[in-house]
Structure formats: C-alpha cells, structure tokens
C-alpha cells in the first residue's frame, strides 16, 4: 500500500516582489541615470535651501525617534 505524497513537498518558497516597471518591459531607469538626475536637481537648489531642508528633516527624524522610544516604553510597561 502506497502513502499519498504531499503535493507541496517539492515547492520552494517564493518571495513576491510585486509588479515593477522593469517587469512591464524594462521601463525602469538605471541607478546611474537616477543619480545624475538627482545631482542635477540638487545643483539647482541654493545651499541655504538645502541646509534648511536638511535641518527640518533631521529635526523631524529626532521627533519620530523620541515618539518611537515613548511608544516602546509604554509597551514595556
């Protein structure tokens, strides 16, 4: 008497990466092209504006970290 084999024994887990632009036909830009465009965009912005954006993002990041730490403390209690 043979025991029925599990159909999924040979299946390997596959990570679902979703639909990307490269899957549609290679429409995704290369990282070199993206870096070049980013550098061109940055060069059009004044130094003062860049510093201001950086400081605002840093402050926001600090606030988010503080909030996350408070939430973790509440969870620990």
PDB file of N, CA and C in Angstrom:
ATOM      1  N   UNK A   1       0.841  -1.170   0.000  1.00  0.00           N
ATOM      2  CA  UNK A   1       0.000   0.000   0.000  1.00  0.00           C
ATOM      3  C   UNK A   1       0.889   1.236   0.000  1.00  0.00           C
ATOM      4  N   UNK A   2       0.652   2.163  -0.934  1.00  0.00           N
ATOM      5  CA  UNK A   2       1.476   3.373  -1.001  1.00  0.00           C
ATOM      6  C   UNK A   2       0.797   4.528  -0.286  1.00  0.00           C
ATOM      7  N   UNK A   3       1.599   5.346   0.336  1.00  0.00           N
ATOM      8  CA  UNK A   3       1.093   6.511   1.056  1.00  0.00           C
ATOM      9  C   UNK A   3       1.072   7.684   0.083  1.00  0.00           C
ATOM     10  N   UNK A   4      -0.049   8.410  -0.030  1.00  0.00           N
ATOM     11  CA  UNK A   4      -0.084   9.554  -0.950  1.00  0.00           C
ATOM     12  C   UNK A   4       0.918  10.620  -0.521  1.00  0.00           C
ATOM     13  N   UNK A   5       1.705  11.064  -1.467  1.00  0.00           N
ATOM     14  CA  UNK A   5       2.724  12.073  -1.173  1.00  0.00           C
ATOM     15  C   UNK A   5       2.094  13.463  -1.147  1.00  0.00           C
ATOM     16  N   UNK A   6       2.643  14.291  -0.322  1.00  0.00           N
ATOM     17  CA  UNK A   6       2.189  15.677  -0.240  1.00  0.00           C
ATOM     18  C   UNK A   6       2.587  16.386  -1.531  1.00  0.00           C
ATOM     19  N   UNK A   7       1.643  17.054  -2.179  1.00  0.00           N
ATOM     20  CA  UNK A   7       1.913  17.715  -3.457  1.00  0.00           C
ATOM     21  C   UNK A   7       2.883  18.884  -3.322  1.00  0.00           C
ATOM     22  N   UNK A   8       2.937  19.487  -2.164  1.00  0.00           N
ATOM     23  CA  UNK A   8       3.752  20.687  -1.980  1.00  0.00           C
ATOM     24  C   UNK A   8       5.156  20.391  -1.471  1.00  0.00           C
ATOM     25  N   UNK A   9       5.537  19.117  -1.386  1.00  0.00           N
ATOM     26  CA  UNK A   9       6.850  18.758  -0.856  1.00  0.00           C
ATOM     27  C   UNK A   9       7.968  19.381  -1.677  1.00  0.00           C
ATOM     28  N   UNK A  10       7.851  19.375  -2.990  1.00  0.00           N
ATOM     29  CA  UNK A  10       8.907  19.908  -3.847  1.00  0.00           C
ATOM     30  C   UNK A  10       8.839  21.411  -4.055  1.00  0.00           C
ATOM     31  N   UNK A  11       7.791  22.057  -3.548  1.00  0.00           N
ATOM     32  CA  UNK A  11       7.644  23.501  -3.753  1.00  0.00           C
ATOM     33  C   UNK A  11       8.630  24.272  -2.884  1.00  0.00           C
ATOM     34  N   UNK A  12       9.236  25.261  -3.468  1.00  0.00           N
ATOM     35  CA  UNK A  12      10.131  26.133  -2.736  1.00  0.00           C
ATOM     36  C   UNK A  12       9.432  27.458  -2.480  1.00  0.00           C
ATOM     37  N   UNK A  13       9.684  28.074  -1.338  1.00  0.00           N
ATOM     38  CA  UNK A  13       9.058  29.367  -1.089  1.00  0.00           C
ATOM     39  C   UNK A  13       9.565  30.401  -2.091  1.00  0.00           C
ATOM     40  N   UNK A  14       8.663  31.243  -2.527  1.00  0.00           N
ATOM     41  CA  UNK A  14       9.000  32.281  -3.499  1.00  0.00           C
ATOM     42  C   UNK A  14       8.597  33.618  -2.926  1.00  0.00           C
ATOM     43  N   UNK A  15       9.491  34.570  -3.010  1.00  0.00           N
ATOM     44  CA  UNK A  15       9.208  35.906  -2.499  1.00  0.00           C
ATOM     45  C   UNK A  15       8.439  36.684  -3.551  1.00  0.00           C
ATOM     46  N   UNK A  16       7.321  37.261  -3.153  1.00  0.00           N
ATOM     47  CA  UNK A  16       6.511  38.068  -4.058  1.00  0.00           C
ATOM     48  C   UNK A  16       7.071  39.481  -4.065  1.00  0.00           C
ATOM     49  N   UNK A  17       7.598  39.892  -5.196  1.00  0.00           N
ATOM     50  CA  UNK A  17       8.180  41.230  -5.282  1.00  0.00           C
ATOM     51  C   UNK A  17       7.210  42.221  -5.892  1.00  0.00           C
ATOM     52  N   UNK A  18       6.057  41.769  -6.300  1.00  0.00           N
ATOM     53  CA  UNK A  18       5.060  42.651  -6.859  1.00  0.00           C
ATOM     54  C   UNK A  18       5.396  43.059  -8.277  1.00  0.00           C
ATOM     55  N   UNK A  19       4.587  43.937  -8.806  1.00  0.00           N
ATOM     56  CA  UNK A  19       4.758  44.398 -10.179  1.00  0.00           C
ATOM     57  C   UNK A  19       5.682  45.605 -10.193  1.00  0.00           C
ATOM     58  N   UNK A  20       6.770  45.517 -10.933  1.00  0.00           N
ATOM     59  CA  UNK A  20       7.700  46.625 -11.046  1.00  0.00           C
ATOM     60  C   UNK A  20       7.725  47.132 -12.473  1.00  0.00           C
ATOM     61  N   UNK A  21       8.272  48.293 -12.661  1.00  0.00           N
ATOM     62  CA  UNK A  21       8.386  48.847 -14.005  1.00  0.00           C
ATOM     63  C   UNK A  21       9.251  47.976 -14.895  1.00  0.00           C
ATOM     64  N   UNK A  22      10.282  47.358 -14.330  1.00  0.00           N
ATOM     65  CA  UNK A  22      11.139  46.505 -15.141  1.00  0.00           C
ATOM     66  C   UNK A  22      10.383  45.271 -15.616  1.00  0.00           C
ATOM     67  N   UNK A  23       9.382  44.855 -14.863  1.00  0.00           N
ATOM     68  CA  UNK A  23       8.572  43.722 -15.272  1.00  0.00           C
ATOM     69  C   UNK A  23       7.619  44.063 -16.401  1.00  0.00           C
ATOM     70  N   UNK A  24       7.363  45.331 -16.620  1.00  0.00           N
ATOM     71  CA  UNK A  24       6.454  45.757 -17.674  1.00  0.00           C
ATOM     72  C   UNK A  24       7.173  45.849 -19.006  1.00  0.00           C
ATOM     73  N   UNK A  25       8.461  45.895 -18.999  1.00  0.00           N
ATOM     74  CA  UNK A  25       9.171  45.974 -20.263  1.00  0.00           C
ATOM     75  C   UNK A  25      10.462  46.747 -20.146  1.00  0.00           C
ATOM     76  N   UNK A  26      11.049  46.768 -18.973  1.00  0.00           N
ATOM     77  CA  UNK A  26      12.328  47.433 -18.802  1.00  0.00           C
ATOM     78  C   UNK A  26      12.227  48.943 -18.811  1.00  0.00           C
ATOM     79  N   UNK A  27      11.154  49.496 -18.282  1.00  0.00           N
ATOM     80  CA  UNK A  27      10.981  50.939 -18.287  1.00  0.00           C
ATOM     81  C   UNK A  27      11.682  51.629 -17.131  1.00  0.00           C
ATOM     82  N   UNK A  28      12.227  50.849 -16.213  1.00  0.00           N
ATOM     83  CA  UNK A  28      12.872  51.431 -15.037  1.00  0.00           C
ATOM     84  C   UNK A  28      14.229  52.001 -15.415  1.00  0.00           C
ATOM     85  N   UNK A  29      14.523  53.201 -14.908  1.00  0.00           N
ATOM     86  CA  UNK A  29      15.793  53.848 -15.207  1.00  0.00           C
ATOM     87  C   UNK A  29      16.920  53.189 -14.421  1.00  0.00           C
ATOM     88  N   UNK A  30      18.105  53.260 -14.964  1.00  0.00           N
ATOM     89  CA  UNK A  30      19.253  52.710 -14.263  1.00  0.00           C
ATOM     90  C   UNK A  30      19.591  53.608 -13.082  1.00  0.00           C
ATOM     91  N   UNK A  31      20.299  53.053 -12.119  1.00  0.00           N
ATOM     92  CA  UNK A  31      20.664  53.831 -10.941  1.00  0.00           C
ATOM     93  C   UNK A  31      21.606  54.976 -11.312  1.00  0.00           C
ATOM     94  N   UNK A  32      22.420  54.795 -12.339  1.00  0.00           N
ATOM     95  CA  UNK A  32      23.321  55.858 -12.781  1.00  0.00           C
ATOM     96  C   UNK A  32      22.514  57.044 -13.295  1.00  0.00           C
ATOM     97  N   UNK A  33      21.487  56.772 -14.069  1.00  0.00           N
ATOM     98  CA  UNK A  33      20.643  57.837 -14.593  1.00  0.00           C
ATOM     99  C   UNK A  33      19.906  58.538 -13.471  1.00  0.00           C
ATOM    100  N   UNK A  34      19.426  57.771 -12.504  1.00  0.00           N
ATOM    101  CA  UNK A  34      18.728  58.364 -11.368  1.00  0.00           C
ATOM    102  C   UNK A  34      19.672  59.245 -10.559  1.00  0.00           C
ATOM    103  N   UNK A  35      20.903  58.788 -10.340  1.00  0.00           N
ATOM    104  CA  UNK A  35      21.874  59.586  -9.593  1.00  0.00           C
ATOM    105  C   UNK A  35      22.198  60.874 -10.314  1.00  0.00           C
ATOM    106  N   UNK A  36      22.346  60.818 -11.626  1.00  0.00           N
ATOM    107  CA  UNK A  36      22.655  62.009 -12.409  1.00  0.00           C
ATOM    108  C   UNK A  36      21.528  63.025 -12.311  1.00  0.00           C
ATOM    109  N   UNK A  37      20.291  62.553 -12.423  1.00  0.00           N
ATOM    110  CA  UNK A  37      19.143  63.460 -12.318  1.00  0.00           C
ATOM    111  C   UNK A  37      19.068  64.072 -10.921  1.00  0.00           C
ATOM    112  N   UNK A  38      19.349  63.281  -9.901  1.00  0.00           N
ATOM    113  CA  UNK A  38      19.303  63.790  -8.532  1.00  0.00           C
ATOM    114  C   UNK A  38      20.364  64.864  -8.330  1.00  0.00           C
ATOM    115  N   UNK A  39      21.555  64.636  -8.852  1.00  0.00           N
ATOM    116  CA  UNK A  39      22.622  65.629  -8.717  1.00  0.00           C
ATOM    117  C   UNK A  39      22.289  66.913  -9.456  1.00  0.00           C
ATOM    118  N   UNK A  40      21.672  66.794 -10.625  1.00  0.00           N
ATOM    119  CA  UNK A  40      21.289  67.979 -11.376  1.00  0.00           C
ATOM    120  C   UNK A  40      20.232  68.763 -10.607  1.00  0.00           C
ATOM    121  N   UNK A  41      19.294  68.045  -9.962  1.00  0.00           N
ATOM    122  CA  UNK A  41      18.253  68.702  -9.178  1.00  0.00           C
ATOM    123  C   UNK A  41      18.829  69.417  -7.971  1.00  0.00           C
ATOM    124  N   UNK A  42      19.821  68.817  -7.339  1.00  0.00           N
ATOM    125  CA  UNK A  42      20.435  69.409  -6.156  1.00  0.00           C
ATOM    126  C   UNK A  42      21.231  70.659  -6.531  1.00  0.00           C
ATOM    127  N   UNK A  43      21.865  70.620  -7.684  1.00  0.00           N
ATOM    128  CA  UNK A  43      22.686  71.766  -8.069  1.00  0.00           C
ATOM    129  C   UNK A  43      21.841  73.004  -8.349  1.00  0.00           C
ATOM    130  N   UNK A  44      20.563  72.836  -8.622  1.00  0.00           N
ATOM    131  CA  UNK A  44      19.682  73.978  -8.886  1.00  0.00           C
ATOM    132  C   UNK A  44      19.179  74.623  -7.602  1.00  0.00           C
ATOM    133  N   UNK A  45      19.341  73.948  -6.484  1.00  0.00           N
ATOM    134  CA  UNK A  45      18.852  74.459  -5.207  1.00  0.00           C
ATOM    135  C   UNK A  45      19.996  75.170  -4.493  1.00  0.00           C
ATOM    136  N   UNK A  46      19.679  76.302  -3.886  1.00  0.00           N
ATOM    137  CA  UNK A  46      20.725  77.053  -3.191  1.00  0.00           C
ATOM    138  C   UNK A  46      21.197  76.294  -1.951  1.00  0.00           C
ATOM    139  N   UNK A  47      22.377  76.623  -1.512  1.00  0.00           N
ATOM    140  CA  UNK A  47      22.953  75.973  -0.332  1.00  0.00           C
ATOM    141  C   UNK A  47      22.080  76.204   0.897  1.00  0.00           C
ATOM    142  N   UNK A  48      21.562  77.427   1.028  1.00  0.00           N
ATOM    143  CA  UNK A  48      20.720  77.753   2.184  1.00  0.00           C
ATOM    144  C   UNK A  48      19.454  76.893   2.207  1.00  0.00           C
ATOM    145  N   UNK A  49      18.852  76.705   1.016  1.00  0.00           N
ATOM    146  CA  UNK A  49      17.654  75.877   0.930  1.00  0.00           C
ATOM    147  C   UNK A  49      17.966  74.426   1.287  1.00  0.00           C
ATOM    148  N   UNK A  50      19.093  73.914   0.806  1.00  0.00           N
ATOM    149  CA  UNK A  50      19.489  72.544   1.141  1.00  0.00           C
ATOM    150  C   UNK A  50      19.722  72.390   2.636  1.00  0.00           C
ATOM    151  N   UNK A  51      20.405  73.363   3.235  1.00  0.00           N
ATOM    152  CA  UNK A  51      20.657  73.304   4.677  1.00  0.00           C
ATOM    153  C   UNK A  51      19.352  73.337   5.444  1.00  0.00           C
ATOM    154  N   UNK A  52      18.421  74.186   4.999  1.00  0.00           N
ATOM    155  CA  UNK A  52      17.132  74.298   5.667  1.00  0.00           C
ATOM    156  C   UNK A  52      16.362  72.978   5.585  1.00  0.00           C
ATOM    157  N   UNK A  53      16.336  72.385   4.403  1.00  0.00           N
ATOM    158  CA  UNK A  53      15.653  71.096   4.241  1.00  0.00           C
ATOM    159  C   UNK A  53      16.302  70.018   5.101  1.00  0.00           C
ATOM    160  N   UNK A  54      17.635  70.002   5.117  1.00  0.00           N
ATOM    161  CA  UNK A  54      18.348  69.008   5.910  1.00  0.00           C
ATOM    162  C   UNK A  54      18.009  69.151   7.390  1.00  0.00           C
ATOM    163  N   UNK A  55      18.039  70.384   7.896  1.00  0.00           N
ATOM    164  CA  UNK A  55      17.764  70.600   9.318  1.00  0.00           C
ATOM    165  C   UNK A  55      16.322  70.236   9.663  1.00  0.00           C
ATOM    166  N   UNK A  56      15.378  70.561   8.779  1.00  0.00           N
ATOM    167  CA  UNK A  56      13.989  70.196   9.034  1.00  0.00           C
ATOM    168  C   UNK A  56      13.829  68.682   9.070  1.00  0.00           C
ATOM    169  N   UNK A  57      14.460  67.977   8.130  1.00  0.00           N
ATOM    170  CA  UNK A  57      14.368  66.513   8.122  1.00  0.00           C
ATOM    171  C   UNK A  57      15.034  65.902   9.350  1.00  0.00           C
ATOM    172  N   UNK A  58      16.169  66.471   9.756  1.00  0.00           N
ATOM    173  CA  UNK A  58      16.856  65.960  10.941  1.00  0.00           C
ATOM    174  C   UNK A  58      15.997  66.145  12.184  1.00  0.00           C
ATOM    175  N   UNK A  59      15.385  67.336  12.313  1.00  0.00           N
ATOM    176  CA  UNK A  59      14.517  67.591  13.465  1.00  0.00           C
ATOM    177  C   UNK A  59      13.315  66.653  13.473  1.00  0.00           C
ATOM    178  N   UNK A  60      12.734  66.437  12.289  1.00  0.00           N
ATOM    179  CA  UNK A  60      11.596  65.534  12.198  1.00  0.00           C
ATOM    180  C   UNK A  60      12.012  64.118  12.569  1.00  0.00           C
ATOM    181  N   UNK A  61      13.195  63.714  12.135  1.00  0.00           N
ATOM    182  CA  UNK A  61      13.701  62.381  12.456  1.00  0.00           C
ATOM    183  C   UNK A  61      13.901  62.230  13.962  1.00  0.00           C
ATOM    184  N   UNK A  62      14.437  63.244  14.599  1.00  0.00           N
ATOM    185  CA  UNK A  62      14.646  63.206  16.053  1.00  0.00           C
ATOM    186  C   UNK A  62      13.313  63.066  16.776  1.00  0.00           C
ATOM    187  N   UNK A  63      12.305  63.851  16.342  1.00  0.00           N
ATOM    188  CA  UNK A  63      10.986  63.766  16.967  1.00  0.00           C
ATOM    189  C   UNK A  63      10.368  62.386  16.789  1.00  0.00           C
ATOM    190  N   UNK A  64      10.514  61.814  15.596  1.00  0.00           N
ATOM    191  CA  UNK A  64       9.974  60.480  15.356  1.00  0.00           C
ATOM    192  C   UNK A  64      10.667  59.434  16.215  1.00  0.00           C
ATOM    193  N   UNK A  65      11.982  59.562  16.383  1.00  0.00           N
ATOM    194  CA  UNK A  65      12.702  58.625  17.242  1.00  0.00           C
ATOM    195  C   UNK A  65      12.249  58.747  18.689  1.00  0.00           C
ATOM    196  N   UNK A  66      12.046  59.987  19.149  1.00  0.00           N
ATOM    197  CA  UNK A  66      11.573  60.188  20.516  1.00  0.00           C
ATOM    198  C   UNK A  66      10.196  59.564  20.704  1.00  0.00           C
ATOM    199  N   UNK A  67       9.324  59.769  19.719  1.00  0.00           N
ATOM    200  CA  UNK A  67       7.979  59.202  19.798  1.00  0.00           C
ATOM    201  C   UNK A  67       8.039  57.672  19.816  1.00  0.00           C
ATOM    202  N   UNK A  68       8.886  57.109  18.975  1.00  0.00           N
ATOM    203  CA  UNK A  68       9.035  55.650  18.933  1.00  0.00           C
ATOM    204  C   UNK A  68       9.546  55.130  20.273  1.00  0.00           C
ATOM    205  N   UNK A  69      10.491  55.832  20.874  1.00  0.00           N
ATOM    206  CA  UNK A  69      11.017  55.414  22.179  1.00  0.00           C
ATOM    207  C   UNK A  69       9.934  55.465  23.250  1.00  0.00           C
ATOM    208  N   UNK A  70       9.092  56.518  23.208  1.00  0.00           N
ATOM    209  CA  UNK A  70       7.990  56.615  24.172  1.00  0.00           C
ATOM    210  C   UNK A  70       7.019  55.451  23.992  1.00  0.00           C
ATOM    211  N   UNK A  71       6.720  55.138  22.733  1.00  0.00           N
ATOM    212  CA  UNK A  71       5.801  54.033  22.472  1.00  0.00           C
ATOM    213  C   UNK A  71       6.386  52.708  22.970  1.00  0.00           C
ATOM    214  N   UNK A  72       7.679  52.505  22.776  1.00  0.00           N
ATOM    215  CA  UNK A  72       8.331  51.281  23.245  1.00  0.00           C
ATOM    216  C   UNK A  72       8.289  51.205  24.761  1.00  0.00           C
ATOM    217  N   UNK A  73       8.488  52.334  25.448  1.00  0.00           N
ATOM    218  CA  UNK A  73       8.418  52.355  26.901  1.00  0.00           C
ATOM    219  C   UNK A  73       7.023  51.989  27.385  1.00  0.00           C
ATOM    220  N   UNK A  74       5.997  52.503  26.687  1.00  0.00           N
ATOM    221  CA  UNK A  74       4.615  52.170  27.060  1.00  0.00           C
ATOM    222  C   UNK A  74       4.373  50.683  26.871  1.00  0.00           C
ATOM    223  N   UNK A  75       4.891  50.119  25.820  1.00  0.00           N
ATOM    224  CA  UNK A  75       4.694  48.693  25.551  1.00  0.00           C
ATOM    225  C   UNK A  75       5.382  47.866  26.618  1.00  0.00           C
ATOM    226  N   UNK A  76       6.571  48.282  27.069  1.00  0.00           N
ATOM    227  CA  UNK A  76       7.315  47.547  28.084  1.00  0.00           C
ATOM    228  C   UNK A  76       6.553  47.530  29.401  1.00  0.00           C
ATOM    229  N   UNK A  77       5.860  48.625  29.706  1.00  0.00           N
ATOM    230  CA  UNK A  77       5.103  48.697  30.963  1.00  0.00           C
ATOM    231  C   UNK A  77       3.905  47.844  30.840  1.00  0.00           C
TER     232      UNK A  77
END
